[in-house]
C-alpha atoms as a PDB file:
ATOM      1  CA  GLN A   1     -33.711  38.032 -37.161  1.00  0.00           C
ATOM      2  CA  VAL A   2     -34.866  39.100 -33.705  1.00  0.00           C
ATOM      3  CA  GLN A   3     -34.183  42.624 -32.495  1.00  0.00           C
ATOM      4  CA  VAL A   4     -35.090  44.083 -29.139  1.00  0.00           C
ATOM      5  CA  VAL A   5     -34.790  47.833 -28.653  1.00  0.00           C
ATOM      6  CA  GLU A   6     -35.246  49.938 -25.517  1.00  0.00           C
ATOM      7  CA  SER A   7     -36.071  53.626 -25.566  1.00  0.00           C
ATOM      8  CA  GLY A   8     -37.237  56.362 -23.244  1.00  0.00           C
ATOM      9  CA  GLY A   9     -34.244  56.840 -20.993  1.00  0.00           C
ATOM     10  CA  GLY A  10     -32.898  60.227 -20.035  1.00  0.00           C
ATOM     11  CA  LEU A  11     -32.084  62.635 -17.245  1.00  0.00           C
ATOM     12  CA  VAL A  12     -34.755  63.233 -14.623  1.00  0.00           C
ATOM     13  CA  GLN A  13     -34.822  64.926 -11.235  1.00  0.00           C
ATOM     14  CA  PRO A  14     -35.412  62.934  -8.058  1.00  0.00           C
ATOM     15  CA  GLY A  15     -39.106  62.306  -7.621  1.00  0.00           C
ATOM     16  CA  GLY A  16     -39.701  62.471 -11.350  1.00  0.00           C
ATOM     17  CA  SER A  17     -41.010  59.880 -13.779  1.00  0.00           C
ATOM     18  CA  LEU A  18     -39.931  58.173 -16.978  1.00  0.00           C
ATOM     19  CA  ARG A  19     -41.518  55.553 -19.166  1.00  0.00           C
ATOM     20  CA  LEU A  20     -39.261  53.065 -20.895  1.00  0.00           C
ATOM     21  CA  SER A  21     -40.366  51.139 -23.942  1.00  0.00           C
ATOM     22  CA  CYS A  22     -39.194  47.757 -25.189  1.00  0.00           C
ATOM     23  CA  ALA A  23     -40.055  47.029 -28.805  1.00  0.00           C
ATOM     24  CA  ALA A  24     -39.287  43.878 -30.720  1.00  0.00           C
ATOM     25  CA  SER A  25     -39.070  42.823 -34.323  1.00  0.00           C
ATOM     26  CA  GLY A  26     -38.849  39.287 -35.574  1.00  0.00           C
ATOM     27  CA  LEU A  27     -40.994  37.852 -32.799  1.00  0.00           C
ATOM     28  CA  ASN A  28     -44.384  38.358 -31.196  1.00  0.00           C
ATOM     29  CA  LEU A  29     -43.711  39.807 -27.743  1.00  0.00           C
ATOM     30  CA  GLY A  30     -47.183  38.773 -26.655  1.00  0.00           C
ATOM     31  CA  SER A  31     -46.044  35.146 -26.627  1.00  0.00           C
ATOM     32  CA  TYR A  32     -42.984  35.787 -24.462  1.00  0.00           C
ATOM     33  CA  ALA A  33     -42.121  36.921 -20.982  1.00  0.00           C
ATOM     34  CA  VAL A  34     -40.293  40.241 -20.961  1.00  0.00           C
ATOM     35  CA  GLY A  35     -37.974  41.294 -18.198  1.00  0.00           C
ATOM     36  CA  TRP A  36     -36.440  44.616 -17.254  1.00  0.00           C
ATOM     37  CA  PHE A  37     -32.936  44.705 -15.852  1.00  0.00           C
ATOM     38  CA  ARG A  38     -30.542  47.442 -14.851  1.00  0.00           C
ATOM     39  CA  GLN A  39     -26.855  47.796 -14.256  1.00  0.00           C
ATOM     40  CA  ALA A  40     -25.305  50.676 -12.366  1.00  0.00           C
ATOM     41  CA  PRO A  41     -21.581  51.506 -12.653  1.00  0.00           C
ATOM     42  CA  GLY A  42     -19.517  49.079 -10.627  1.00  0.00           C
ATOM     43  CA  LYS A  43     -22.513  46.902  -9.790  1.00  0.00           C
ATOM     44  CA  GLU A  44     -23.903  43.640 -11.081  1.00  0.00           C
ATOM     45  CA  ARG A  45     -26.894  43.582 -13.357  1.00  0.00           C
ATOM     46  CA  GLU A  46     -30.138  43.045 -11.458  1.00  0.00           C
ATOM     47  CA  GLY A  47     -33.609  42.069 -12.550  1.00  0.00           C
ATOM     48  CA  ILE A  48     -36.200  44.620 -11.516  1.00  0.00           C
ATOM     49  CA  SER A  49     -39.421  43.535 -13.175  1.00  0.00           C
ATOM     50  CA  SER A  50     -40.915  40.987 -15.525  1.00  0.00           C
ATOM     51  CA  ILE A  51     -44.250  40.337 -17.169  1.00  0.00           C
ATOM     52  CA  SER A  52     -45.557  36.967 -18.284  1.00  0.00           C
ATOM     53  CA  GLY A  53     -46.430  36.244 -21.883  1.00  0.00           C
ATOM     54  CA  THR A  54     -49.368  34.006 -20.970  1.00  0.00           C
ATOM     55  CA  ASP A  55     -51.427  35.864 -18.371  1.00  0.00           C
ATOM     56  CA  SER A  56     -49.498  39.148 -18.000  1.00  0.00           C
ATOM     57  CA  SER A  57     -48.706  38.363 -14.386  1.00  0.00           C
ATOM     58  CA  THR A  58     -45.903  40.522 -13.044  1.00  0.00           C
ATOM     59  CA  VAL A  59     -43.040  40.364 -10.586  1.00  0.00           C
ATOM     60  CA  TYR A  60     -40.953  43.171  -9.119  1.00  0.00           C
ATOM     61  CA  LEU A  61     -37.744  43.648  -7.218  1.00  0.00           C
ATOM     62  CA  HIS A  62     -38.635  44.762  -3.707  1.00  0.00           C
ATOM     63  CA  SER A  63     -36.865  48.099  -4.038  1.00  0.00           C
ATOM     64  CA  VAL A  64     -38.991  49.182  -7.023  1.00  0.00           C
ATOM     65  CA  LYS A  65     -42.320  47.664  -6.032  1.00  0.00           C
ATOM     66  CA  GLY A  66     -44.971  50.343  -5.755  1.00  0.00           C
ATOM     67  CA  ARG A  67     -42.917  52.798  -7.826  1.00  0.00           C
ATOM     68  CA  PHE A  68     -42.426  50.911 -11.106  1.00  0.00           C
ATOM     69  CA  THR A  69     -45.142  49.311 -13.230  1.00  0.00           C
ATOM     70  CA  VAL A  70     -44.589  46.956 -16.141  1.00  0.00           C
ATOM     71  CA  SER A  71     -47.263  46.566 -18.811  1.00  0.00           C
ATOM     72  CA  ARG A  72     -47.620  45.392 -22.382  1.00  0.00           C
ATOM     73  CA  ASP A  73     -49.452  46.515 -25.489  1.00  0.00           C
ATOM     74  CA  ASN A  74     -49.588  43.517 -27.773  1.00  0.00           C
ATOM     75  CA  THR A  75     -51.085  45.588 -30.600  1.00  0.00           C
ATOM     76  CA  LYS A  76     -47.829  47.555 -30.681  1.00  0.00           C
ATOM     77  CA  ASN A  77     -45.595  44.586 -29.852  1.00  0.00           C
ATOM     78  CA  THR A  78     -44.200  46.689 -27.016  1.00  0.00           C
ATOM     79  CA  VAL A  79     -43.670  46.365 -23.278  1.00  0.00           C
ATOM     80  CA  TYR A  80     -43.413  49.405 -21.031  1.00  0.00           C
ATOM     81  CA  LEU A  81     -41.816  50.181 -17.707  1.00  0.00           C
ATOM     82  CA  GLN A  82     -43.399  53.163 -16.001  1.00  0.00           C
ATOM     83  CA  MET A  83     -41.023  54.497 -13.375  1.00  0.00           C
ATOM     84  CA  ASN A  84     -42.331  56.952 -10.786  1.00  0.00           C
ATOM     85  CA  SER A  85     -40.805  58.532  -7.689  1.00  0.00           C
ATOM     86  CA  LEU A  86     -37.358  58.027  -9.134  1.00  0.00           C
ATOM     87  CA  LYS A  87     -34.371  58.123  -6.802  1.00  0.00           C
ATOM     88  CA  PRO A  88     -30.685  58.763  -7.490  1.00  0.00           C
ATOM     89  CA  GLU A  89     -30.021  55.097  -6.762  1.00  0.00           C
ATOM     90  CA  ASP A  90     -32.197  54.187  -9.761  1.00  0.00           C
ATOM     91  CA  THR A  91     -29.481  55.592 -12.016  1.00  0.00           C
ATOM     92  CA  ALA A  92     -28.336  52.803 -14.330  1.00  0.00           C
ATOM     93  CA  VAL A  93     -28.433  51.430 -17.834  1.00  0.00           C
ATOM     94  CA  TYR A  94     -31.787  49.720 -18.249  1.00  0.00           C
ATOM     95  CA  TYR A  95     -32.207  46.662 -20.442  1.00  0.00           C
ATOM     96  CA  CYS A  96     -35.161  44.632 -21.560  1.00  0.00           C
ATOM     97  CA  ALA A  97     -34.912  40.976 -22.441  1.00  0.00           C
ATOM     98  CA  VAL A  98     -37.178  38.237 -23.728  1.00  0.00           C
ATOM     99  CA  ASN A  99     -37.648  34.622 -22.693  1.00  0.00           C
ATOM    100  CA  GLN A 100     -40.111  31.901 -23.534  1.00  0.00           C
ATOM    101  CA  PHE A 101     -40.401  30.405 -20.046  1.00  0.00           C
ATOM    102  CA  GLY A 102     -41.767  32.879 -17.554  1.00  0.00           C
ATOM    103  CA  PRO A 103     -41.528  36.178 -15.657  1.00  0.00           C
ATOM    104  CA  PHE A 104     -38.209  35.660 -13.878  1.00  0.00           C
ATOM    105  CA  LEU A 105     -35.948  38.266 -12.316  1.00  0.00           C
ATOM    106  CA  SER A 106     -32.936  36.039 -12.827  1.00  0.00           C
ATOM    107  CA  ASP A 107     -31.298  36.704 -16.167  1.00  0.00           C
ATOM    108  CA  TYR A 108     -30.220  33.162 -17.046  1.00  0.00           C
ATOM    109  CA  ALA A 109     -33.468  32.273 -18.862  1.00  0.00           C
ATOM    110  CA  TYR A 110     -33.478  35.284 -21.161  1.00  0.00           C
ATOM    111  CA  GLU A 111     -32.561  34.716 -24.779  1.00  0.00           C
ATOM    112  CA  TYR A 112     -32.818  38.088 -26.512  1.00  0.00           C
ATOM    113  CA  TRP A 113     -31.501  41.356 -25.100  1.00  0.00           C
ATOM    114  CA  GLY A 114     -31.678  44.996 -26.093  1.00  0.00           C
ATOM    115  CA  GLN A 115     -28.722  47.353 -26.126  1.00  0.00           C
ATOM    116  CA  GLY A 116     -29.837  49.335 -23.090  1.00  0.00           C
ATOM    117  CA  THR A 117     -30.968  52.863 -22.373  1.00  0.00           C
ATOM    118  CA  GLN A 118     -29.406  55.184 -19.822  1.00  0.00           C
ATOM    119  CA  VAL A 119     -31.495  56.513 -16.948  1.00  0.00           C
ATOM    120  CA  THR A 120     -29.920  59.204 -14.797  1.00  0.00           C
ATOM    121  CA  VAL A 121     -31.676  60.562 -11.725  1.00  0.00           C
ATOM    122  CA  SER A 122     -30.007  63.713 -10.521  1.00  0.00           C
ATOM    123  CA  SER A 123     -30.780  67.260  -9.482  1.00  0.00           C
END
């Protein structure tokens, strides 16, 4: 049985940093693309970053490019999202998801999803 679990969310002041983790059991994350998504209250879910399972190539939503960095540690079967220079508009529930096809920001290709972790950016 596949399980995907996010962790690392919390409350941070504007300009601060957080690192989210996405861990999986029941599959080898190194063989899959992993995407990060977020959903703010009253808004649609949006893809913000993804990392390929083949060559670790990455893609980012324009609004987070240069502030967020996605990476993987295959020895720990974990993917990370380092978030710097956080803004109040980054406040959302953050999800990671897994797909076997590629690093897409569209959510339709993703098969396994975590339960989400709350990130709140506020002073």
